[in-house]
Amino acid sequence: MTPHLRSTYRAILRELPRRTLSNPTPLQQRIREAFRTGTGTSEQLADTHFDQRVQEAEQMAQYARAQRTYAALVERYNPGMTMTEKEKIRLTARRVGFDLPIAEEGGKE
């Protein structure tokens, strides 16, 4: 495996959820097989189809990296997406200077 091909393979694996080598996901197994079959002979390295597959793999790694960055930015700048309605109200009240009373579990406030 050439260094360029190895770095592409590692870039793809970096973007996938981490798993142990002894217990890879079916997707990781398929990616590994695709890279293994593509590095068999020097004739395949000159093949334009193989070059196209390598470019597609690089694009896939870039896309996965961009999606991960996008998800991190959405979570960072829209923290209310994962909050409950009660938590949103409490934080809005704190933002304008009010602290809501703590409600008892028995129904009395």
Protein backbone atom coordinates (compact mmCIF):
# COMPACT_ATOMS: atom_id res chain seq x y z
CA MET A 1 0.00 0.00 0.00
CA THR A 2 1.46 3.35 -1.01
CA PRO A 3 1.79 6.11 1.60
CA HIS A 4 -0.88 8.21 -0.16
CA LEU A 5 -3.30 5.30 -0.19
CA ARG A 6 -2.55 4.47 3.43
CA SER A 7 -3.22 8.06 4.52
CA THR A 8 -6.55 8.02 2.67
CA TYR A 9 -7.49 4.75 4.35
CA ARG A 10 -6.60 6.12 7.77
CA ALA A 11 -8.50 9.36 7.12
CA ILE A 12 -11.64 7.34 6.40
CA LEU A 13 -11.21 5.20 9.51
CA ARG A 14 -10.65 8.32 11.64
CA GLU A 15 -14.10 9.60 10.76
CA LEU A 16 -15.89 6.35 11.63
CA PRO A 17 -16.90 5.50 15.20
CA ARG A 18 -14.00 3.86 17.01
CA ARG A 19 -14.01 0.08 17.33
CA THR A 20 -11.36 -2.43 18.25
CA LEU A 21 -9.45 -4.19 15.49
CA SER A 22 -10.71 -7.54 16.76
CA ASN A 23 -14.36 -6.40 16.45
CA PRO A 24 -14.70 -4.18 13.33
CA THR A 25 -18.06 -3.06 11.98
CA PRO A 26 -19.27 -4.44 8.64
CA LEU A 27 -18.54 -1.03 7.08
CA GLN A 28 -14.95 -1.09 8.33
CA GLN A 29 -14.53 -4.63 7.00
CA ARG A 30 -15.84 -3.60 3.59
CA ILE A 31 -13.55 -0.56 3.44
CA ARG A 32 -10.58 -2.71 4.44
CA GLU A 33 -11.39 -5.25 1.72
CA ALA A 34 -11.77 -2.51 -0.89
CA PHE A 35 -8.34 -1.14 -0.06
CA ARG A 36 -6.77 -4.60 0.06
CA THR A 37 -8.12 -5.66 -3.33
CA GLY A 38 -7.00 -2.39 -4.89
CA THR A 39 -3.35 -2.78 -3.92
CA GLY A 40 -2.73 -6.23 -5.38
CA THR A 41 -0.53 -5.54 -8.41
CA SER A 42 1.22 -2.61 -10.03
CA GLU A 43 -1.09 -2.95 -13.06
CA GLN A 44 -4.03 -1.96 -10.90
CA LEU A 45 -2.21 1.13 -9.66
CA ALA A 46 -2.02 2.42 -13.24
CA ASP A 47 -5.67 1.62 -13.86
CA THR A 48 -7.85 4.73 -14.20
CA HIS A 49 -10.71 2.94 -12.45
CA PHE A 50 -8.50 2.41 -9.40
CA ASP A 51 -7.45 6.08 -9.43
CA GLN A 52 -11.09 7.08 -9.55
CA ARG A 53 -11.87 4.84 -6.56
CA VAL A 54 -9.01 6.44 -4.59
CA GLN A 55 -10.34 9.93 -5.41
CA GLU A 56 -13.83 8.89 -4.32
CA ALA A 57 -12.39 7.56 -1.06
CA GLU A 58 -10.64 10.90 -0.45
CA GLN A 59 -13.89 12.75 -1.14
CA MET A 60 -15.75 10.44 1.23
CA ALA A 61 -13.21 11.17 3.98
CA GLN A 62 -13.54 14.93 3.38
CA TYR A 63 -17.34 14.68 3.43
CA ALA A 64 -17.34 12.69 6.68
CA ARG A 65 -14.96 15.21 8.26
CA ALA A 66 -17.19 18.10 7.14
CA GLN A 67 -20.29 16.38 8.55
CA ARG A 68 -18.57 15.84 11.89
CA THR A 69 -17.53 19.50 12.00
CA TYR A 70 -21.06 20.59 11.04
CA ALA A 71 -22.61 18.49 13.81
CA ALA A 72 -20.17 19.93 16.35
CA LEU A 73 -20.95 23.51 15.26
CA VAL A 74 -24.72 22.94 15.37
CA GLU A 75 -24.43 21.50 18.85
CA ARG A 76 -22.20 24.37 19.96
CA TYR A 77 -24.29 27.24 18.62
CA ASN A 78 -27.75 25.70 19.16
CA PRO A 79 -27.51 24.19 22.62
CA GLY A 80 -31.27 24.29 23.09
CA MET A 81 -31.85 21.53 20.55
CA THR A 82 -31.24 18.81 23.11
CA MET A 83 -32.87 20.54 26.08
CA THR A 84 -36.31 19.83 27.45
CA GLU A 85 -38.95 22.56 27.37
CA LYS A 86 -38.68 22.98 31.14
CA GLU A 87 -34.91 23.50 30.94
CA LYS A 88 -35.31 26.07 28.13
CA ILE A 89 -37.79 28.07 30.24
CA ARG A 90 -35.51 27.97 33.26
CA LEU A 91 -32.51 29.20 31.28
CA THR A 92 -34.55 31.94 29.57
CA ALA A 93 -35.73 33.17 32.97
CA ARG A 94 -32.14 33.22 34.26
CA ARG A 95 -31.05 35.15 31.18
CA VAL A 96 -33.44 38.02 31.99
CA GLY A 97 -32.60 38.00 35.69
CA PHE A 98 -35.19 35.72 37.23
CA ASP A 99 -34.57 32.52 39.10
CA LEU A 100 -37.56 30.22 38.98
CA PRO A 101 -38.51 28.60 42.29
CA ILE A 102 -37.48 25.00 42.74
CA ALA A 103 -40.56 22.79 42.51
CA GLU A 104 -40.99 20.01 45.04
CA GLU A 105 -41.61 16.51 43.73
CA GLY A 106 -44.83 16.25 45.79
CA GLY A 107 -46.61 18.83 43.64
CA LYS A 108 -46.26 21.79 46.05
CA GLU A 109 -44.18 24.78 45.04
